[in-house]
Amino acid sequence: MKFPDNLIYNKEHLWVKVEGNTAYVGITDYAQDQLGEILYVDLPEVGQEFSKGDQFSEVESSKVNSTLMLPFSGVVLEVNEKLDDEPEYINAAPYDAWIAKFELNSPEELNDMISASVYEEGLE
């Protein structure tokens, strides 16, 4: 399993890629492996605003349904529409298959995220 160093992670198995005041969010390689085949991704709506800890998406897989909680506050700028037709793209390329792109409301909330090495250690 891979955990790119240019991303930050949380214990709920989400990754975040930060570019300025913008953040992409997806699920980790570990999470997609544990979920099995991804069958459906409930995408948020562009313009929708979320607070830290709010449910922003749900992923249905061959094993379980998982609710995804946003690790920061933000507004949805874009969703990955490819996941509507190909939800299994998350299984094939979890770090390319971001779910949504957000404008960060409070970038300091990302201080709760962890590095790739700390995330990987927590899985052992």
N, C-alpha and C. Protein backbone atom coordinates (compact mmCIF):
# COMPACT_ATOMS: atom_id res chain seq x y z
N MET A 1 0.83 -1.19 0.00
CA MET A 1 0.00 0.00 0.00
C MET A 1 0.87 1.24 0.00
N LYS A 2 0.35 2.27 -0.66
CA LYS A 2 1.10 3.52 -0.76
C LYS A 2 0.40 4.62 0.02
N PHE A 3 1.20 5.51 0.60
CA PHE A 3 0.71 6.67 1.32
C PHE A 3 1.60 7.85 0.94
N PRO A 4 1.25 8.58 -0.13
CA PRO A 4 2.11 9.67 -0.62
C PRO A 4 2.42 10.71 0.45
N ASP A 5 3.67 11.14 0.48
CA ASP A 5 4.14 12.11 1.47
C ASP A 5 3.59 13.52 1.23
N ASN A 6 3.11 13.81 0.02
CA ASN A 6 2.63 15.16 -0.27
C ASN A 6 1.18 15.37 0.19
N LEU A 7 0.59 14.35 0.81
CA LEU A 7 -0.78 14.43 1.32
C LEU A 7 -0.76 14.39 2.83
N ILE A 8 -1.87 14.85 3.44
CA ILE A 8 -2.05 14.69 4.87
C ILE A 8 -3.25 13.77 5.08
N TYR A 9 -3.31 13.16 6.26
CA TYR A 9 -4.27 12.08 6.51
C TYR A 9 -4.98 12.28 7.84
N ASN A 10 -6.08 11.53 8.03
CA ASN A 10 -6.68 11.47 9.36
C ASN A 10 -6.95 10.02 9.72
N LYS A 11 -7.33 9.80 10.96
CA LYS A 11 -7.52 8.43 11.45
C LYS A 11 -8.78 7.78 10.88
N GLU A 12 -9.62 8.57 10.22
CA GLU A 12 -10.81 8.04 9.56
C GLU A 12 -10.51 7.64 8.12
N HIS A 13 -9.22 7.58 7.78
CA HIS A 13 -8.74 7.07 6.49
C HIS A 13 -9.09 7.97 5.29
N LEU A 14 -9.08 9.28 5.53
CA LEU A 14 -9.21 10.25 4.45
C LEU A 14 -7.85 10.87 4.19
N TRP A 15 -7.62 11.24 2.94
CA TRP A 15 -6.43 12.02 2.60
C TRP A 15 -6.88 13.40 2.13
N VAL A 16 -5.99 14.38 2.31
CA VAL A 16 -6.24 15.76 1.88
C VAL A 16 -5.01 16.26 1.15
N LYS A 17 -5.25 16.83 -0.01
CA LYS A 17 -4.18 17.49 -0.77
C LYS A 17 -4.49 18.98 -0.76
N VAL A 18 -3.56 19.76 -0.21
CA VAL A 18 -3.77 21.20 -0.06
C VAL A 18 -2.99 21.95 -1.13
N GLU A 19 -3.69 22.85 -1.81
CA GLU A 19 -3.08 23.77 -2.79
C GLU A 19 -3.57 25.17 -2.46
N GLY A 20 -2.76 25.92 -1.75
CA GLY A 20 -3.18 27.27 -1.33
C GLY A 20 -4.34 27.18 -0.37
N ASN A 21 -5.49 27.78 -0.73
CA ASN A 21 -6.68 27.77 0.12
C ASN A 21 -7.69 26.73 -0.37
N THR A 22 -7.20 25.77 -1.18
CA THR A 22 -8.05 24.74 -1.76
C THR A 22 -7.59 23.37 -1.24
N ALA A 23 -8.55 22.49 -1.00
CA ALA A 23 -8.22 21.15 -0.52
C ALA A 23 -9.03 20.10 -1.28
N TYR A 24 -8.34 19.09 -1.77
CA TYR A 24 -8.98 17.92 -2.38
C TYR A 24 -9.07 16.85 -1.31
N VAL A 25 -10.17 16.09 -1.30
CA VAL A 25 -10.37 15.04 -0.29
C VAL A 25 -10.73 13.73 -0.97
N GLY A 26 -10.11 12.64 -0.48
CA GLY A 26 -10.43 11.31 -0.97
C GLY A 26 -10.21 10.29 0.13
N ILE A 27 -10.39 9.01 -0.22
CA ILE A 27 -10.14 7.96 0.77
C ILE A 27 -8.81 7.28 0.46
N THR A 28 -8.17 6.79 1.50
CA THR A 28 -6.83 6.23 1.35
C THR A 28 -6.84 4.86 0.69
N ASP A 29 -5.66 4.45 0.29
CA ASP A 29 -5.47 3.12 -0.29
C ASP A 29 -5.91 2.05 0.72
N TYR A 30 -5.57 2.25 1.98
CA TYR A 30 -5.99 1.31 3.03
C TYR A 30 -7.52 1.23 3.09
N ALA A 31 -8.19 2.38 3.07
CA ALA A 31 -9.66 2.40 3.17
C ALA A 31 -10.31 1.69 2.00
N GLN A 32 -9.84 1.97 0.79
CA GLN A 32 -10.47 1.31 -0.37
C GLN A 32 -10.24 -0.19 -0.32
N ASP A 33 -9.08 -0.61 0.19
CA ASP A 33 -8.78 -2.04 0.31
C ASP A 33 -9.73 -2.70 1.32
N GLN A 34 -9.97 -2.03 2.43
CA GLN A 34 -10.85 -2.57 3.46
C GLN A 34 -12.32 -2.59 3.01
N LEU A 35 -12.71 -1.60 2.21
CA LEU A 35 -14.09 -1.51 1.75
C LEU A 35 -14.44 -2.55 0.70
N GLY A 36 -13.46 -2.97 -0.07
CA GLY A 36 -13.75 -3.85 -1.20
C GLY A 36 -14.19 -3.02 -2.40
N GLU A 37 -14.86 -3.65 -3.34
CA GLU A 37 -15.25 -2.96 -4.58
C GLU A 37 -16.21 -1.81 -4.28
N ILE A 38 -15.82 -0.60 -4.69
CA ILE A 38 -16.66 0.58 -4.51
C ILE A 38 -17.77 0.53 -5.57
N LEU A 39 -19.02 0.60 -5.11
CA LEU A 39 -20.17 0.50 -6.01
C LEU A 39 -20.85 1.83 -6.27
N TYR A 40 -20.74 2.78 -5.32
CA TYR A 40 -21.43 4.06 -5.44
C TYR A 40 -20.77 5.08 -4.52
N VAL A 41 -20.67 6.32 -5.00
CA VAL A 41 -20.18 7.43 -4.18
C VAL A 41 -21.22 8.53 -4.22
N ASP A 42 -21.71 8.92 -3.06
CA ASP A 42 -22.67 10.01 -2.94
C ASP A 42 -21.88 11.32 -2.90
N LEU A 43 -21.91 12.06 -3.99
CA LEU A 43 -21.13 13.29 -4.09
C LEU A 43 -21.90 14.47 -3.49
N PRO A 44 -21.20 15.38 -2.81
CA PRO A 44 -21.87 16.59 -2.32
C PRO A 44 -22.20 17.52 -3.49
N GLU A 45 -22.93 18.57 -3.21
CA GLU A 45 -23.30 19.53 -4.26
C GLU A 45 -22.33 20.70 -4.26
N VAL A 46 -21.98 21.17 -5.46
CA VAL A 46 -21.14 22.35 -5.59
C VAL A 46 -21.85 23.52 -4.91
N GLY A 47 -21.09 24.27 -4.12
CA GLY A 47 -21.64 25.40 -3.39
C GLY A 47 -22.10 25.05 -1.98
N GLN A 48 -22.20 23.77 -1.69
CA GLN A 48 -22.62 23.33 -0.37
C GLN A 48 -21.53 23.63 0.64
N GLU A 49 -21.93 24.13 1.81
CA GLU A 49 -20.97 24.47 2.86
C GLU A 49 -21.05 23.45 3.98
N PHE A 50 -19.88 23.06 4.49
CA PHE A 50 -19.79 22.08 5.56
C PHE A 50 -18.93 22.62 6.69
N SER A 51 -19.27 22.20 7.89
CA SER A 51 -18.42 22.47 9.06
C SER A 51 -17.56 21.24 9.31
N LYS A 52 -16.48 21.44 10.03
CA LYS A 52 -15.61 20.32 10.40
C LYS A 52 -16.44 19.26 11.12
N GLY A 53 -16.29 18.01 10.69
CA GLY A 53 -17.02 16.91 11.31
C GLY A 53 -18.35 16.58 10.66
N ASP A 54 -18.81 17.41 9.72
CA ASP A 54 -20.05 17.12 9.00
C ASP A 54 -19.86 15.98 8.01
N GLN A 55 -20.91 15.21 7.79
CA GLN A 55 -20.89 14.19 6.74
C GLN A 55 -20.97 14.90 5.40
N PHE A 56 -19.99 14.63 4.52
CA PHE A 56 -19.99 15.26 3.20
C PHE A 56 -20.21 14.26 2.08
N SER A 57 -20.08 12.97 2.38
CA SER A 57 -20.23 11.95 1.35
C SER A 57 -20.52 10.61 2.01
N GLU A 58 -20.97 9.67 1.19
CA GLU A 58 -21.13 8.29 1.62
C GLU A 58 -20.62 7.41 0.50
N VAL A 59 -19.91 6.37 0.89
CA VAL A 59 -19.36 5.42 -0.08
C VAL A 59 -20.00 4.06 0.18
N GLU A 60 -20.59 3.50 -0.87
CA GLU A 60 -21.16 2.16 -0.76
C GLU A 60 -20.22 1.19 -1.45
N SER A 61 -19.96 0.08 -0.77
CA SER A 61 -19.07 -0.92 -1.34
C SER A 61 -19.70 -2.30 -1.25
N SER A 62 -18.99 -3.28 -1.75
CA SER A 62 -19.49 -4.65 -1.71
C SER A 62 -19.57 -5.18 -0.28
N LYS A 63 -18.90 -4.52 0.65
CA LYS A 63 -18.87 -4.98 2.04
C LYS A 63 -19.72 -4.13 2.99
N VAL A 64 -19.71 -2.81 2.79
CA VAL A 64 -20.29 -1.92 3.80
C VAL A 64 -20.57 -0.54 3.19
N ASN A 65 -21.42 0.23 3.85
CA ASN A 65 -21.61 1.64 3.52
C ASN A 65 -20.83 2.45 4.55
N SER A 66 -20.07 3.42 4.09
CA SER A 66 -19.27 4.24 4.99
C SER A 66 -19.62 5.71 4.82
N THR A 67 -19.88 6.39 5.93
CA THR A 67 -20.10 7.83 5.88
C THR A 67 -18.74 8.51 6.02
N LEU A 68 -18.55 9.57 5.26
CA LEU A 68 -17.29 10.31 5.28
C LEU A 68 -17.53 11.66 5.93
N MET A 69 -16.74 11.95 6.96
CA MET A 69 -16.86 13.19 7.72
C MET A 69 -15.72 14.13 7.33
N LEU A 70 -16.07 15.36 7.02
CA LEU A 70 -15.08 16.33 6.56
C LEU A 70 -14.15 16.75 7.71
N PRO A 71 -12.83 16.67 7.49
CA PRO A 71 -11.88 17.00 8.57
C PRO A 71 -11.57 18.50 8.69
N PHE A 72 -12.34 19.35 8.02
CA PHE A 72 -12.16 20.80 8.08
C PHE A 72 -13.47 21.44 7.63
N SER A 73 -13.57 22.76 7.77
CA SER A 73 -14.74 23.50 7.28
C SER A 73 -14.45 24.01 5.89
N GLY A 74 -15.47 23.98 5.02
CA GLY A 74 -15.24 24.49 3.69
C GLY A 74 -16.47 24.46 2.81
N VAL A 75 -16.31 25.01 1.61
CA VAL A 75 -17.36 25.07 0.60
C VAL A 75 -16.92 24.24 -0.59
N VAL A 76 -17.83 23.42 -1.11
CA VAL A 76 -17.53 22.57 -2.25
C VAL A 76 -17.36 23.43 -3.51
N LEU A 77 -16.18 23.33 -4.12
CA LEU A 77 -15.89 24.04 -5.36
C LEU A 77 -16.15 23.17 -6.59
N GLU A 78 -15.91 21.87 -6.42
CA GLU A 78 -16.01 20.94 -7.54
C GLU A 78 -16.16 19.53 -6.97
N VAL A 79 -16.84 18.67 -7.73
CA VAL A 79 -16.90 17.25 -7.36
C VAL A 79 -16.31 16.44 -8.51
N ASN A 80 -15.83 15.27 -8.19
CA ASN A 80 -15.22 14.40 -9.20
C ASN A 80 -16.33 13.59 -9.88
N GLU A 81 -16.87 14.15 -10.95
CA GLU A 81 -18.02 13.55 -11.64
C GLU A 81 -17.69 12.19 -12.26
N LYS A 82 -16.41 11.91 -12.45
CA LYS A 82 -16.01 10.60 -12.97
C LYS A 82 -16.51 9.48 -12.06
N LEU A 83 -16.64 9.78 -10.75
CA LEU A 83 -17.08 8.77 -9.79
C LEU A 83 -18.55 8.41 -9.94
N ASP A 84 -19.33 9.26 -10.61
CA ASP A 84 -20.74 8.92 -10.89
C ASP A 84 -20.81 7.68 -11.78
N ASP A 85 -19.98 7.66 -12.80
CA ASP A 85 -20.00 6.56 -13.77
C ASP A 85 -19.03 5.44 -13.42
N GLU A 86 -17.95 5.79 -12.72
CA GLU A 86 -16.90 4.81 -12.40
C GLU A 86 -16.50 4.89 -10.92
N PRO A 87 -17.39 4.53 -10.01
CA PRO A 87 -17.01 4.61 -8.58
C PRO A 87 -15.81 3.72 -8.24
N GLU A 88 -15.64 2.64 -9.03
CA GLU A 88 -14.52 1.72 -8.79
C GLU A 88 -13.17 2.36 -9.11
N TYR A 89 -13.18 3.57 -9.70
CA TYR A 89 -11.94 4.32 -9.94
C TYR A 89 -11.19 4.53 -8.62
N ILE A 90 -11.94 4.65 -7.52
CA ILE A 90 -11.30 4.79 -6.21
C ILE A 90 -10.45 3.56 -5.90
N ASN A 91 -10.94 2.36 -6.25
CA ASN A 91 -10.16 1.15 -6.02
C ASN A 91 -8.90 1.13 -6.87
N ALA A 92 -9.01 1.58 -8.10
CA ALA A 92 -7.88 1.53 -9.03
C ALA A 92 -6.83 2.59 -8.73
N ALA A 93 -7.27 3.79 -8.33
CA ALA A 93 -6.34 4.91 -8.14
C ALA A 93 -6.83 5.82 -7.01
N PRO A 94 -6.72 5.36 -5.76
CA PRO A 94 -7.31 6.12 -4.66
C PRO A 94 -6.78 7.54 -4.49
N TYR A 95 -5.56 7.81 -4.93
CA TYR A 95 -5.01 9.16 -4.74
C TYR A 95 -5.24 10.07 -5.94
N ASP A 96 -5.76 9.53 -7.02
CA ASP A 96 -6.20 10.35 -8.15
C ASP A 96 -7.71 10.56 -8.09
N ALA A 97 -8.41 9.64 -7.45
CA ALA A 97 -9.87 9.65 -7.42
C ALA A 97 -10.38 10.46 -6.23
N TRP A 98 -10.05 11.75 -6.21
CA TRP A 98 -10.57 12.63 -5.16
C TRP A 98 -12.09 12.69 -5.28
N ILE A 99 -12.74 12.93 -4.16
CA ILE A 99 -14.20 12.97 -4.14
C ILE A 99 -14.70 14.39 -4.37
N ALA A 100 -14.10 15.34 -3.66
CA ALA A 100 -14.53 16.73 -3.80
C ALA A 100 -13.36 17.68 -3.54
N LYS A 101 -13.49 18.86 -4.11
CA LYS A 101 -12.51 19.94 -3.95
C LYS A 101 -13.21 21.05 -3.17
N PHE A 102 -12.57 21.53 -2.12
CA PHE A 102 -13.17 22.52 -1.23
C PHE A 102 -12.34 23.79 -1.15
N GLU A 103 -13.02 24.90 -0.90
CA GLU A 103 -12.35 26.12 -0.46
C GLU A 103 -12.33 26.05 1.06
N LEU A 104 -11.14 26.17 1.63
CA LEU A 104 -10.98 26.07 3.08
C LEU A 104 -11.52 27.31 3.78
N ASN A 105 -12.35 27.12 4.80
CA ASN A 105 -12.81 28.24 5.62
C ASN A 105 -11.80 28.58 6.71
N SER A 106 -11.21 27.57 7.31
CA SER A 106 -10.27 27.74 8.43
C SER A 106 -9.09 26.80 8.23
N PRO A 107 -8.09 27.22 7.46
CA PRO A 107 -6.95 26.33 7.18
C PRO A 107 -6.28 25.77 8.43
N GLU A 108 -6.36 26.48 9.56
CA GLU A 108 -5.74 25.98 10.79
C GLU A 108 -6.37 24.68 11.27
N GLU A 109 -7.59 24.36 10.81
CA GLU A 109 -8.22 23.09 11.18
C GLU A 109 -7.43 21.88 10.64
N LEU A 110 -6.62 22.11 9.64
CA LEU A 110 -5.79 21.04 9.07
C LEU A 110 -4.67 20.62 10.01
N ASN A 111 -4.44 21.40 11.07
CA ASN A 111 -3.39 21.05 12.04
C ASN A 111 -3.69 19.73 12.74
N ASP A 112 -4.94 19.27 12.70
CA ASP A 112 -5.30 17.99 13.31
C ASP A 112 -4.95 16.81 12.42
N MET A 113 -4.58 17.07 11.18
CA MET A 113 -4.24 16.00 10.23
C MET A 113 -2.84 15.47 10.55
N ILE A 114 -2.51 14.29 10.02
CA ILE A 114 -1.22 13.67 10.32
C ILE A 114 -0.45 13.37 9.02
N SER A 115 0.83 13.17 9.17
CA SER A 115 1.70 12.87 8.02
C SER A 115 1.49 11.43 7.56
N ALA A 116 2.02 11.13 6.38
CA ALA A 116 1.94 9.77 5.82
C ALA A 116 2.58 8.76 6.77
N SER A 117 3.75 9.10 7.31
CA SER A 117 4.45 8.13 8.17
C SER A 117 3.67 7.86 9.46
N VAL A 118 3.08 8.90 10.05
CA VAL A 118 2.29 8.72 11.27
C VAL A 118 1.03 7.91 10.96
N TYR A 119 0.40 8.20 9.83
CA TYR A 119 -0.79 7.45 9.42
C TYR A 119 -0.45 5.97 9.25
N GLU A 120 0.64 5.70 8.54
CA GLU A 120 1.04 4.32 8.27
C GLU A 120 1.38 3.57 9.57
N GLU A 121 2.06 4.26 10.50
CA GLU A 121 2.38 3.64 11.79
C GLU A 121 1.10 3.26 12.54
N GLY A 122 0.07 4.08 12.43
CA GLY A 122 -1.19 3.82 13.11
C GLY A 122 -1.92 2.61 12.57
N LEU A 123 -1.58 2.17 11.38
CA LEU A 123 -2.23 1.01 10.78
C LEU A 123 -1.60 -0.30 11.25
N GLU A 124 -0.38 -0.21 11.78
CA GLU A 124 0.34 -1.43 12.18
C GLU A 124 -0.14 -1.99 13.50
